[in-house]
Amino acid sequence: MRKNIFTRAIALALAFTLSAVTPVSTSNAATIRTPIADGTVTFGNSVVTIDASHTSDGYVMIKYTGKAKRIKVRITKDTQYTYNLNTNGSYEVFPLVEGSGKYKITVFEHVEGSMYAQAVAQEISVTLTDETSPFLYPNQYCYFDMNSKVVDVSDTVCEGLTDPLQKVAAIYKYATDNLTYDYDKAATVQSGYLPNNDNTLTTMNGICFDYASLMVAMLRLQDVPSKLVIGYTSDVYHAWVSVYTDEQGWIDNVIFFNGNEWKFMDPTFASTGKGNPSVTEHIKNSANYTAKYSY
């Protein structure tokens, strides 16, 4: 995959809709966390509702009921994240990926051309129950719910595995052994494209976002906190999947896209010290990576 195609793909604005429903417990091994808007803490006006009832879990839900056809959501703490809100009258979930602290949430309505007008702005204070919480729930880049095919696939791939890094290795192997890269899709994908893990599992092909979305969803379903990170290593535009373990904390670049294909950096390098010591030090040294966005 050419780097310019990859650059274009990661710039796409993605959004999905979630109903305000109660979290689901299932009898299988997967843990399905469902964002909810229960109205305990809300802000907004006649056209925008910001439900901040579950900021401690690392997300807000926003609903728009006005007349504008295009809506933007901007969430700012240390970094400015801009998303599309693609539905009218239904809540959509937006992650709070920069930890505890004060966030500013601004919703914009499209006016004409490239012009947007502010519909509402609200500052909120966030105290996460756990720093990994935003990276265990579904979000724009890795959607799943109780009916998703990815739930059973994740369970099957990780059957019998208890170590988080073994699950990382198994999920990587499944994705790269079974998915085929779709070069035609990469060349023609449009702004607003939504990764759909069920579609990916049906067609067994996709672009880099489809691979990443599937792997991160499978990891989160197995209670492995994981981030899809976009940024640079040296001067190369890069994507990687970071995972969290109790022993290591956040391990960067375990699964990464080098502009041509997905690669796997053996996580035992980080967990046991086996393998190439220089690689071990590289993945432990955050200075080697400059993250722009984490989802």
C-alpha atoms as a PDB file:
ATOM      1  CA  MET A   1       0.000   0.000   0.000  1.00  0.00           C
ATOM      2  CA  ARG A   2       1.430   3.364  -0.986  1.00  0.00           C
ATOM      3  CA  LYS A   3       2.016   5.822   1.849  1.00  0.00           C
ATOM      4  CA  ASN A   4      -0.238   8.483   0.298  1.00  0.00           C
ATOM      5  CA  ILE A   5      -3.153   6.041   0.271  1.00  0.00           C
ATOM      6  CA  PHE A   6      -2.530   5.188   3.917  1.00  0.00           C
ATOM      7  CA  THR A   7      -2.324   8.885   4.804  1.00  0.00           C
ATOM      8  CA  ARG A   8      -5.640   9.475   3.108  1.00  0.00           C
ATOM      9  CA  ALA A   9      -7.262   6.570   4.887  1.00  0.00           C
ATOM     10  CA  ILE A  10      -6.314   7.651   8.395  1.00  0.00           C
ATOM     11  CA  ALA A  11      -7.729  11.118   7.789  1.00  0.00           C
ATOM     12  CA  LEU A  12     -11.259   9.801   7.302  1.00  0.00           C
ATOM     13  CA  ALA A  13     -13.902  11.003   9.743  1.00  0.00           C
ATOM     14  CA  LEU A  14     -15.683   8.038  11.248  1.00  0.00           C
ATOM     15  CA  ALA A  15     -18.747   7.796  13.465  1.00  0.00           C
ATOM     16  CA  PHE A  16     -21.313   5.218  14.538  1.00  0.00           C
ATOM     17  CA  THR A  17     -24.574   5.134  16.433  1.00  0.00           C
ATOM     18  CA  LEU A  18     -25.238   3.385  19.718  1.00  0.00           C
ATOM     19  CA  SER A  19     -28.576   3.136  21.457  1.00  0.00           C
ATOM     20  CA  ALA A  20     -28.797   3.987  25.118  1.00  0.00           C
ATOM     21  CA  VAL A  21     -29.070   0.475  26.483  1.00  0.00           C
ATOM     22  CA  THR A  22     -27.987  -1.371  29.588  1.00  0.00           C
ATOM     23  CA  PRO A  23     -24.595  -3.138  29.592  1.00  0.00           C
ATOM     24  CA  VAL A  24     -24.901  -6.776  28.618  1.00  0.00           C
ATOM     25  CA  SER A  25     -23.597  -9.823  30.455  1.00  0.00           C
ATOM     26  CA  THR A  26     -23.101 -12.944  28.364  1.00  0.00           C
ATOM     27  CA  SER A  27     -22.245 -16.522  29.145  1.00  0.00           C
ATOM     28  CA  ASN A  28     -19.281 -16.611  26.781  1.00  0.00           C
ATOM     29  CA  ALA A  29     -15.762 -15.422  27.524  1.00  0.00           C
ATOM     30  CA  ALA A  30     -16.026 -12.084  25.769  1.00  0.00           C
ATOM     31  CA  THR A  31     -16.719  -8.955  27.788  1.00  0.00           C
ATOM     32  CA  ILE A  32     -19.125  -6.707  25.888  1.00  0.00           C
ATOM     33  CA  ARG A  33     -19.135  -3.156  27.212  1.00  0.00           C
ATOM     34  CA  THR A  34     -21.956  -1.043  25.839  1.00  0.00           C
ATOM     35  CA  PRO A  35     -21.865   2.760  26.189  1.00  0.00           C
ATOM     36  CA  ILE A  36     -25.103   4.145  27.602  1.00  0.00           C
ATOM     37  CA  ALA A  37     -26.802   7.516  27.912  1.00  0.00           C
ATOM     38  CA  ASP A  38     -28.944   7.321  31.025  1.00  0.00           C
ATOM     39  CA  GLY A  39     -29.452  11.046  31.576  1.00  0.00           C
ATOM     40  CA  THR A  40     -27.857  11.289  35.011  1.00  0.00           C
ATOM     41  CA  VAL A  41     -25.615  14.195  33.934  1.00  0.00           C
ATOM     42  CA  THR A  42     -26.537  16.176  30.814  1.00  0.00           C
ATOM     43  CA  PHE A  43     -25.682  19.487  29.184  1.00  0.00           C
ATOM     44  CA  GLY A  44     -26.807  21.243  26.021  1.00  0.00           C
ATOM     45  CA  ASN A  45     -29.752  23.102  24.557  1.00  0.00           C
ATOM     46  CA  SER A  46     -32.825  22.500  22.418  1.00  0.00           C
ATOM     47  CA  VAL A  47     -30.898  20.803  19.599  1.00  0.00           C
ATOM     48  CA  VAL A  48     -27.848  19.229  21.294  1.00  0.00           C
ATOM     49  CA  THR A  49     -27.699  16.946  24.324  1.00  0.00           C
ATOM     50  CA  ILE A  50     -24.361  15.960  25.800  1.00  0.00           C
ATOM     51  CA  ASP A  51     -24.791  13.018  28.156  1.00  0.00           C
ATOM     52  CA  ALA A  52     -21.815  12.977  30.532  1.00  0.00           C
ATOM     53  CA  SER A  53     -23.205  10.360  32.903  1.00  0.00           C
ATOM     54  CA  HIS A  54     -20.348   7.936  32.299  1.00  0.00           C
ATOM     55  CA  THR A  55     -17.261  10.065  31.884  1.00  0.00           C
ATOM     56  CA  SER A  56     -15.591   7.952  34.571  1.00  0.00           C
ATOM     57  CA  ASP A  57     -15.689   5.104  32.032  1.00  0.00           C
ATOM     58  CA  GLY A  58     -14.034   7.275  29.395  1.00  0.00           C
ATOM     59  CA  TYR A  59     -16.787   8.433  27.062  1.00  0.00           C
ATOM     60  CA  VAL A  60     -19.604  10.895  26.456  1.00  0.00           C
ATOM     61  CA  MET A  61     -22.673  10.455  24.312  1.00  0.00           C
ATOM     62  CA  ILE A  62     -24.055  13.227  22.132  1.00  0.00           C
ATOM     63  CA  LYS A  63     -27.416  13.596  20.386  1.00  0.00           C
ATOM     64  CA  TYR A  64     -28.394  16.192  17.784  1.00  0.00           C
ATOM     65  CA  THR A  65     -32.029  16.944  16.916  1.00  0.00           C
ATOM     66  CA  GLY A  66     -31.703  20.092  14.791  1.00  0.00           C
ATOM     67  CA  LYS A  67     -32.088  20.695  11.064  1.00  0.00           C
ATOM     68  CA  ALA A  68     -28.482  20.842   9.880  1.00  0.00           C
ATOM     69  CA  LYS A  69     -27.422  17.976   7.616  1.00  0.00           C
ATOM     70  CA  ARG A  70     -23.792  17.882   8.730  1.00  0.00           C
ATOM     71  CA  ILE A  71     -22.587  18.062  12.337  1.00  0.00           C
ATOM     72  CA  LYS A  72     -19.059  18.191  13.732  1.00  0.00           C
ATOM     73  CA  VAL A  73     -18.010  17.332  17.285  1.00  0.00           C
ATOM     74  CA  ARG A  74     -14.738  18.673  18.656  1.00  0.00           C
ATOM     75  CA  ILE A  75     -13.306  17.258  21.878  1.00  0.00           C
ATOM     76  CA  THR A  76     -10.255  19.036  23.251  1.00  0.00           C
ATOM     77  CA  LYS A  77      -8.009  18.456  26.226  1.00  0.00           C
ATOM     78  CA  ASP A  78      -4.333  18.443  25.263  1.00  0.00           C
ATOM     79  CA  THR A  79      -5.111  17.452  21.663  1.00  0.00           C
ATOM     80  CA  GLN A  80      -7.989  18.504  19.443  1.00  0.00           C
ATOM     81  CA  TYR A  81     -10.067  15.599  18.120  1.00  0.00           C
ATOM     82  CA  THR A  82     -12.721  16.329  15.485  1.00  0.00           C
ATOM     83  CA  TYR A  83     -15.440  13.826  14.604  1.00  0.00           C
ATOM     84  CA  ASN A  84     -18.578  13.644  12.497  1.00  0.00           C
ATOM     85  CA  LEU A  85     -21.923  13.139  14.203  1.00  0.00           C
ATOM     86  CA  ASN A  86     -23.774  11.196  11.536  1.00  0.00           C
ATOM     87  CA  THR A  87     -27.277  10.691  12.888  1.00  0.00           C
ATOM     88  CA  ASN A  88     -30.173  12.889  13.864  1.00  0.00           C
ATOM     89  CA  GLY A  89     -32.114  12.059  16.999  1.00  0.00           C
ATOM     90  CA  SER A  90     -29.909   9.198  18.218  1.00  0.00           C
ATOM     91  CA  TYR A  91     -27.009   9.190  20.629  1.00  0.00           C
ATOM     92  CA  GLU A  92     -23.496   8.583  19.352  1.00  0.00           C
ATOM     93  CA  VAL A  93     -20.518   7.762  21.546  1.00  0.00           C
ATOM     94  CA  PHE A  94     -17.274   9.745  21.648  1.00  0.00           C
ATOM     95  CA  PRO A  95     -14.247   8.587  23.635  1.00  0.00           C
ATOM     96  CA  LEU A  96     -12.292  10.634  26.171  1.00  0.00           C
ATOM     97  CA  VAL A  97      -8.871   9.321  25.267  1.00  0.00           C
ATOM     98  CA  GLU A  98      -6.571  11.722  27.111  1.00  0.00           C
ATOM     99  CA  GLY A  99      -7.221  10.614  30.654  1.00  0.00           C
ATOM    100  CA  SER A 100      -8.598  12.519  33.616  1.00  0.00           C
ATOM    101  CA  GLY A 101      -8.833  16.303  33.502  1.00  0.00           C
ATOM    102  CA  LYS A 102     -10.864  19.068  31.898  1.00  0.00           C
ATOM    103  CA  TYR A 103     -12.254  18.619  28.399  1.00  0.00           C
ATOM    104  CA  LYS A 104     -14.049  21.089  26.160  1.00  0.00           C
ATOM    105  CA  ILE A 105     -16.767  19.646  23.954  1.00  0.00           C
ATOM    106  CA  THR A 106     -18.015  21.771  21.065  1.00  0.00           C
ATOM    107  CA  VAL A 107     -20.719  20.839  18.567  1.00  0.00           C
ATOM    108  CA  PHE A 108     -20.927  22.639  15.221  1.00  0.00           C
ATOM    109  CA  GLU A 109     -23.735  22.818  12.663  1.00  0.00           C
ATOM    110  CA  HIS A 110     -22.953  23.098   8.974  1.00  0.00           C
ATOM    111  CA  VAL A 111     -23.999  26.420   7.454  1.00  0.00           C
ATOM    112  CA  GLU A 112     -22.731  26.390   3.871  1.00  0.00           C
ATOM    113  CA  GLY A 113     -19.616  25.461   1.954  1.00  0.00           C
ATOM    114  CA  SER A 114     -16.917  24.812   4.529  1.00  0.00           C
ATOM    115  CA  MET A 115     -18.560  27.042   7.150  1.00  0.00           C
ATOM    116  CA  TYR A 116     -19.855  25.723  10.482  1.00  0.00           C
ATOM    117  CA  ALA A 117     -21.540  27.570  13.343  1.00  0.00           C
ATOM    118  CA  GLN A 118     -21.181  26.642  16.994  1.00  0.00           C
ATOM    119  CA  ALA A 119     -24.319  25.012  18.364  1.00  0.00           C
ATOM    120  CA  VAL A 120     -23.086  24.376  21.905  1.00  0.00           C
ATOM    121  CA  ALA A 121     -19.860  24.362  23.903  1.00  0.00           C
ATOM    122  CA  GLN A 122     -19.393  22.722  27.277  1.00  0.00           C
ATOM    123  CA  GLU A 123     -16.459  22.122  29.600  1.00  0.00           C
ATOM    124  CA  ILE A 124     -16.529  18.952  31.683  1.00  0.00           C
ATOM    125  CA  SER A 125     -14.268  17.574  34.385  1.00  0.00           C
ATOM    126  CA  VAL A 126     -13.364  13.925  33.977  1.00  0.00           C
ATOM    127  CA  THR A 127     -12.044  11.536  36.605  1.00  0.00           C
ATOM    128  CA  LEU A 128     -11.502   8.096  35.136  1.00  0.00           C
ATOM    129  CA  THR A 129     -12.108   5.070  37.306  1.00  0.00           C
ATOM    130  CA  ASP A 130      -9.238   3.409  35.442  1.00  0.00           C
ATOM    131  CA  GLU A 131      -6.866   4.891  32.865  1.00  0.00           C
ATOM    132  CA  THR A 132      -7.556   1.959  30.536  1.00  0.00           C
ATOM    133  CA  SER A 133     -11.362   2.394  30.515  1.00  0.00           C
ATOM    134  CA  PRO A 134     -11.601   4.404  27.266  1.00  0.00           C
ATOM    135  CA  PHE A 135      -9.698   1.595  25.527  1.00  0.00           C
ATOM    136  CA  LEU A 136     -12.035  -1.224  26.521  1.00  0.00           C
ATOM    137  CA  TYR A 137     -15.277   0.193  25.113  1.00  0.00           C
ATOM    138  CA  PRO A 138     -16.290   0.209  21.441  1.00  0.00           C
ATOM    139  CA  ASN A 139     -15.640   3.446  19.610  1.00  0.00           C
ATOM    140  CA  GLN A 140     -15.585   4.836  16.092  1.00  0.00           C
ATOM    141  CA  TYR A 141     -12.659   2.732  15.000  1.00  0.00           C
ATOM    142  CA  CYS A 142     -13.605  -0.579  16.572  1.00  0.00           C
ATOM    143  CA  TYR A 143     -17.354  -1.021  16.867  1.00  0.00           C
ATOM    144  CA  PHE A 144     -18.904  -4.110  18.397  1.00  0.00           C
ATOM    145  CA  ASP A 145     -22.027  -5.048  20.302  1.00  0.00           C
ATOM    146  CA  MET A 146     -23.614  -8.212  21.687  1.00  0.00           C
ATOM    147  CA  ASN A 147     -24.802  -9.259  18.206  1.00  0.00           C
ATOM    148  CA  SER A 148     -21.511  -8.716  16.389  1.00  0.00           C
ATOM    149  CA  LYS A 149     -19.806 -11.628  14.641  1.00  0.00           C
ATOM    150  CA  VAL A 150     -16.523 -10.465  16.085  1.00  0.00           C
ATOM    151  CA  VAL A 151     -17.622 -11.598  19.553  1.00  0.00           C
ATOM    152  CA  ASP A 152     -17.654 -15.295  18.676  1.00  0.00           C
ATOM    153  CA  VAL A 153     -14.564 -14.990  16.478  1.00  0.00           C
ATOM    154  CA  SER A 154     -12.639 -13.351  19.302  1.00  0.00           C
ATOM    155  CA  ASP A 155     -13.651 -16.123  21.697  1.00  0.00           C
ATOM    156  CA  THR A 156     -12.692 -18.847  19.231  1.00  0.00           C
ATOM    157  CA  VAL A 157      -9.310 -17.333  18.401  1.00  0.00           C
ATOM    158  CA  CYS A 158      -8.433 -16.837  22.080  1.00  0.00           C
ATOM    159  CA  GLU A 159      -9.920 -20.061  23.406  1.00  0.00           C
ATOM    160  CA  GLY A 160      -7.819 -21.436  26.250  1.00  0.00           C
ATOM    161  CA  LEU A 161      -5.551 -18.383  26.405  1.00  0.00           C
ATOM    162  CA  THR A 162      -5.237 -16.372  29.603  1.00  0.00           C
ATOM    163  CA  ASP A 163      -2.053 -14.331  29.095  1.00  0.00           C
ATOM    164  CA  PRO A 164      -2.814 -10.971  27.404  1.00  0.00           C
ATOM    165  CA  LEU A 165       0.246 -11.154  25.164  1.00  0.00           C
ATOM    166  CA  GLN A 166      -0.696 -14.629  23.962  1.00  0.00           C
ATOM    167  CA  LYS A 167      -4.072 -13.172  22.988  1.00  0.00           C
ATOM    168  CA  VAL A 168      -2.323 -10.348  21.113  1.00  0.00           C
ATOM    169  CA  ALA A 169      -0.254 -12.871  19.165  1.00  0.00           C
ATOM    170  CA  ALA A 170      -3.271 -15.066  18.378  1.00  0.00           C
ATOM    171  CA  ILE A 171      -5.399 -12.144  17.184  1.00  0.00           C
ATOM    172  CA  TYR A 172      -2.595 -10.791  15.007  1.00  0.00           C
ATOM    173  CA  LYS A 173      -2.075 -14.232  13.445  1.00  0.00           C
ATOM    174  CA  TYR A 174      -5.789 -14.635  12.768  1.00  0.00           C
ATOM    175  CA  ALA A 175      -6.087 -11.260  11.043  1.00  0.00           C
ATOM    176  CA  THR A 176      -2.996 -11.531   8.880  1.00  0.00           C
ATOM    177  CA  ASP A 177      -3.568 -15.202   8.001  1.00  0.00           C
ATOM    178  CA  ASN A 178      -7.195 -14.728   6.991  1.00  0.00           C
ATOM    179  CA  LEU A 179      -7.679 -11.171   5.688  1.00  0.00           C
ATOM    180  CA  THR A 180      -6.670 -10.042   2.216  1.00  0.00           C
ATOM    181  CA  TYR A 181      -5.679  -6.450   1.604  1.00  0.00           C
ATOM    182  CA  ASP A 182      -8.142  -4.654  -0.691  1.00  0.00           C
ATOM    183  CA  TYR A 183      -6.073  -2.363  -2.923  1.00  0.00           C
ATOM    184  CA  ASP A 184      -9.098  -1.295  -4.984  1.00  0.00           C
ATOM    185  CA  LYS A 185     -10.931  -0.203  -1.861  1.00  0.00           C
ATOM    186  CA  ALA A 186      -7.850   1.668  -0.650  1.00  0.00           C
ATOM    187  CA  ALA A 187      -7.680   3.582  -3.910  1.00  0.00           C
ATOM    188  CA  THR A 188     -11.368   4.541  -3.966  1.00  0.00           C
ATOM    189  CA  VAL A 189     -12.391   4.844  -0.299  1.00  0.00           C
ATOM    190  CA  GLN A 190     -14.415   7.981   0.413  1.00  0.00           C
ATOM    191  CA  SER A 191     -14.413  10.389   3.320  1.00  0.00           C
ATOM    192  CA  GLY A 192     -16.831   9.188   5.976  1.00  0.00           C
ATOM    193  CA  TYR A 193     -16.007   5.513   5.495  1.00  0.00           C
ATOM    194  CA  LEU A 194     -16.944   3.423   8.545  1.00  0.00           C
ATOM    195  CA  PRO A 195     -15.016   0.239   9.356  1.00  0.00           C
ATOM    196  CA  ASN A 196     -17.532  -2.548   9.882  1.00  0.00           C
ATOM    197  CA  ASN A 197     -16.093  -5.608  11.565  1.00  0.00           C
ATOM    198  CA  ASP A 198     -18.995  -7.842  10.566  1.00  0.00           C
ATOM    199  CA  ASN A 199     -18.528  -6.906   6.922  1.00  0.00           C
ATOM    200  CA  THR A 200     -14.795  -7.511   7.227  1.00  0.00           C
ATOM    201  CA  LEU A 201     -15.428 -10.969   8.654  1.00  0.00           C
ATOM    202  CA  THR A 202     -17.876 -11.706   5.832  1.00  0.00           C
ATOM    203  CA  THR A 203     -15.665 -10.569   2.958  1.00  0.00           C
ATOM    204  CA  MET A 204     -12.346 -11.370   4.675  1.00  0.00           C
ATOM    205  CA  ASN A 205     -10.696  -8.387   3.056  1.00  0.00           C
ATOM    206  CA  GLY A 206     -10.227  -4.716   3.783  1.00  0.00           C
ATOM    207  CA  ILE A 207      -7.924  -1.729   4.062  1.00  0.00           C
ATOM    208  CA  CYS A 208      -5.611  -0.841   6.938  1.00  0.00           C
ATOM    209  CA  PHE A 209      -8.451   0.609   9.028  1.00  0.00           C
ATOM    210  CA  ASP A 210     -10.433  -2.594   8.645  1.00  0.00           C
ATOM    211  CA  TYR A 211      -7.486  -4.671   9.879  1.00  0.00           C
ATOM    212  CA  ALA A 212      -6.880  -2.352  12.819  1.00  0.00           C
ATOM    213  CA  SER A 213     -10.546  -2.071  13.752  1.00  0.00           C
ATOM    214  CA  LEU A 214     -10.958  -5.837  13.796  1.00  0.00           C
ATOM    215  CA  MET A 215      -7.820  -6.478  15.858  1.00  0.00           C
ATOM    216  CA  VAL A 216      -8.588  -3.788  18.429  1.00  0.00           C
ATOM    217  CA  ALA A 217     -12.209  -4.930  18.787  1.00  0.00           C
ATOM    218  CA  MET A 218     -11.089  -8.519  19.327  1.00  0.00           C
ATOM    219  CA  LEU A 219      -8.567  -7.414  21.945  1.00  0.00           C
ATOM    220  CA  ARG A 220     -11.073  -5.307  23.857  1.00  0.00           C
ATOM    221  CA  LEU A 221     -13.563  -8.138  23.867  1.00  0.00           C
ATOM    222  CA  GLN A 222     -10.881 -10.231  25.572  1.00  0.00           C
ATOM    223  CA  ASP A 223     -10.361  -7.585  28.270  1.00  0.00           C
ATOM    224  CA  VAL A 224      -7.052  -6.465  26.779  1.00  0.00           C
ATOM    225  CA  PRO A 225      -7.005  -2.634  26.809  1.00  0.00           C
ATOM    226  CA  SER A 226      -5.802  -1.543  23.394  1.00  0.00           C
ATOM    227  CA  LYS A 227      -5.285   1.652  21.428  1.00  0.00           C
ATOM    228  CA  LEU A 228      -5.273   2.296  17.725  1.00  0.00           C
ATOM    229  CA  VAL A 229      -2.567   4.943  17.513  1.00  0.00           C
ATOM    230  CA  ILE A 230      -1.783   7.203  14.565  1.00  0.00           C
ATOM    231  CA  GLY A 231       1.535   9.049  14.467  1.00  0.00           C
ATOM    232  CA  TYR A 232       5.149   8.901  13.388  1.00  0.00           C
ATOM    233  CA  THR A 233       8.190   6.786  14.018  1.00  0.00           C
ATOM    234  CA  SER A 234      11.164   8.825  12.850  1.00  0.00           C
ATOM    235  CA  ASP A 235       9.735  10.603   9.767  1.00  0.00           C
ATOM    236  CA  VAL A 236       7.426   7.793   8.644  1.00  0.00           C
ATOM    237  CA  TYR A 237       3.660   8.148   9.013  1.00  0.00           C
ATOM    238  CA  HIS A 238       2.693   5.103  10.958  1.00  0.00           C
ATOM    239  CA  ALA A 239      -0.118   3.250  12.722  1.00  0.00           C
ATOM    240  CA  TRP A 240       0.279   0.910  15.629  1.00  0.00           C
ATOM    241  CA  VAL A 241      -1.697  -0.979  18.209  1.00  0.00           C
ATOM    242  CA  SER A 242      -0.623  -0.458  21.798  1.00  0.00           C
ATOM    243  CA  VAL A 243      -1.761  -2.889  24.474  1.00  0.00           C
ATOM    244  CA  TYR A 244      -1.818  -2.698  28.252  1.00  0.00           C
ATOM    245  CA  THR A 245      -0.787  -5.379  30.706  1.00  0.00           C
ATOM    246  CA  ASP A 246      -0.622  -5.139  34.475  1.00  0.00           C
ATOM    247  CA  GLU A 247       3.021  -6.196  34.397  1.00  0.00           C
ATOM    248  CA  GLN A 248       4.270  -3.883  31.634  1.00  0.00           C
ATOM    249  CA  GLY A 249       1.794  -1.005  31.492  1.00  0.00           C
ATOM    250  CA  TRP A 250       1.300   0.304  27.953  1.00  0.00           C
ATOM    251  CA  ILE A 251       3.394  -1.525  25.370  1.00  0.00           C
ATOM    252  CA  ASP A 252       3.667   0.483  22.150  1.00  0.00           C
ATOM    253  CA  ASN A 253       3.961  -0.759  18.591  1.00  0.00           C
ATOM    254  CA  VAL A 254       3.166  -4.410  19.300  1.00  0.00           C
ATOM    255  CA  ILE A 255       1.165  -4.557  16.053  1.00  0.00           C
ATOM    256  CA  PHE A 256       1.995  -1.923  13.456  1.00  0.00           C
ATOM    257  CA  PHE A 257       1.309  -0.920   9.875  1.00  0.00           C
ATOM    258  CA  ASN A 258       4.506   0.087   8.065  1.00  0.00           C
ATOM    259  CA  GLY A 259       2.812   1.620   5.018  1.00  0.00           C
ATOM    260  CA  ASN A 260       2.776  -1.662   3.125  1.00  0.00           C
ATOM    261  CA  GLU A 261       1.568  -4.360   5.505  1.00  0.00           C
ATOM    262  CA  TRP A 262       0.717  -5.166   9.089  1.00  0.00           C
ATOM    263  CA  LYS A 263       3.661  -6.395  11.148  1.00  0.00           C
ATOM    264  CA  PHE A 264       3.916  -8.063  14.516  1.00  0.00           C
ATOM    265  CA  MET A 265       6.658  -7.290  17.004  1.00  0.00           C
ATOM    266  CA  ASP A 266       6.940 -10.311  19.273  1.00  0.00           C
ATOM    267  CA  PRO A 267       5.462  -9.152  22.593  1.00  0.00           C
ATOM    268  CA  THR A 268       7.580 -11.645  24.522  1.00  0.00           C
ATOM    269  CA  PHE A 269      10.407  -9.185  23.895  1.00  0.00           C
ATOM    270  CA  ALA A 270       8.661  -6.894  26.329  1.00  0.00           C
ATOM    271  CA  SER A 271       7.350  -9.497  28.753  1.00  0.00           C
ATOM    272  CA  THR A 272      10.274 -11.869  29.186  1.00  0.00           C
ATOM    273  CA  GLY A 273      13.294 -10.184  27.630  1.00  0.00           C
ATOM    274  CA  LYS A 274      13.781 -13.022  25.153  1.00  0.00           C
ATOM    275  CA  GLY A 275      14.758 -12.071  21.633  1.00  0.00           C
ATOM    276  CA  ASN A 276      16.730  -9.132  20.327  1.00  0.00           C
ATOM    277  CA  PRO A 277      17.678  -6.761  23.200  1.00  0.00           C
ATOM    278  CA  SER A 278      17.792  -3.751  20.863  1.00  0.00           C
ATOM    279  CA  VAL A 279      14.181  -4.395  19.819  1.00  0.00           C
ATOM    280  CA  THR A 280      13.196  -4.723  23.451  1.00  0.00           C
ATOM    281  CA  GLU A 281      14.649  -1.320  24.229  1.00  0.00           C
ATOM    282  CA  HIS A 282      13.112   0.224  21.132  1.00  0.00           C
ATOM    283  CA  ILE A 283       9.534  -0.704  21.939  1.00  0.00           C
ATOM    284  CA  LYS A 284      10.025   0.362  25.559  1.00  0.00           C
ATOM    285  CA  ASN A 285      11.364   3.782  24.533  1.00  0.00           C
ATOM    286  CA  SER A 286       8.418   6.057  23.873  1.00  0.00           C
ATOM    287  CA  ALA A 287      10.780   8.639  22.384  1.00  0.00           C
ATOM    288  CA  ASN A 288      10.922   6.475  19.255  1.00  0.00           C
ATOM    289  CA  TYR A 289       7.245   7.140  18.573  1.00  0.00           C
ATOM    290  CA  THR A 290       5.317  10.375  18.194  1.00  0.00           C
ATOM    291  CA  ALA A 291       1.619   9.726  18.598  1.00  0.00           C
ATOM    292  CA  LYS A 292      -0.841  12.181  17.081  1.00  0.00           C
ATOM    293  CA  TYR A 293      -4.120  10.464  17.858  1.00  0.00           C
ATOM    294  CA  SER A 294      -5.202   7.467  19.920  1.00  0.00           C
ATOM    295  CA  TYR A 295      -8.602   5.808  19.548  1.00  0.00           C
END
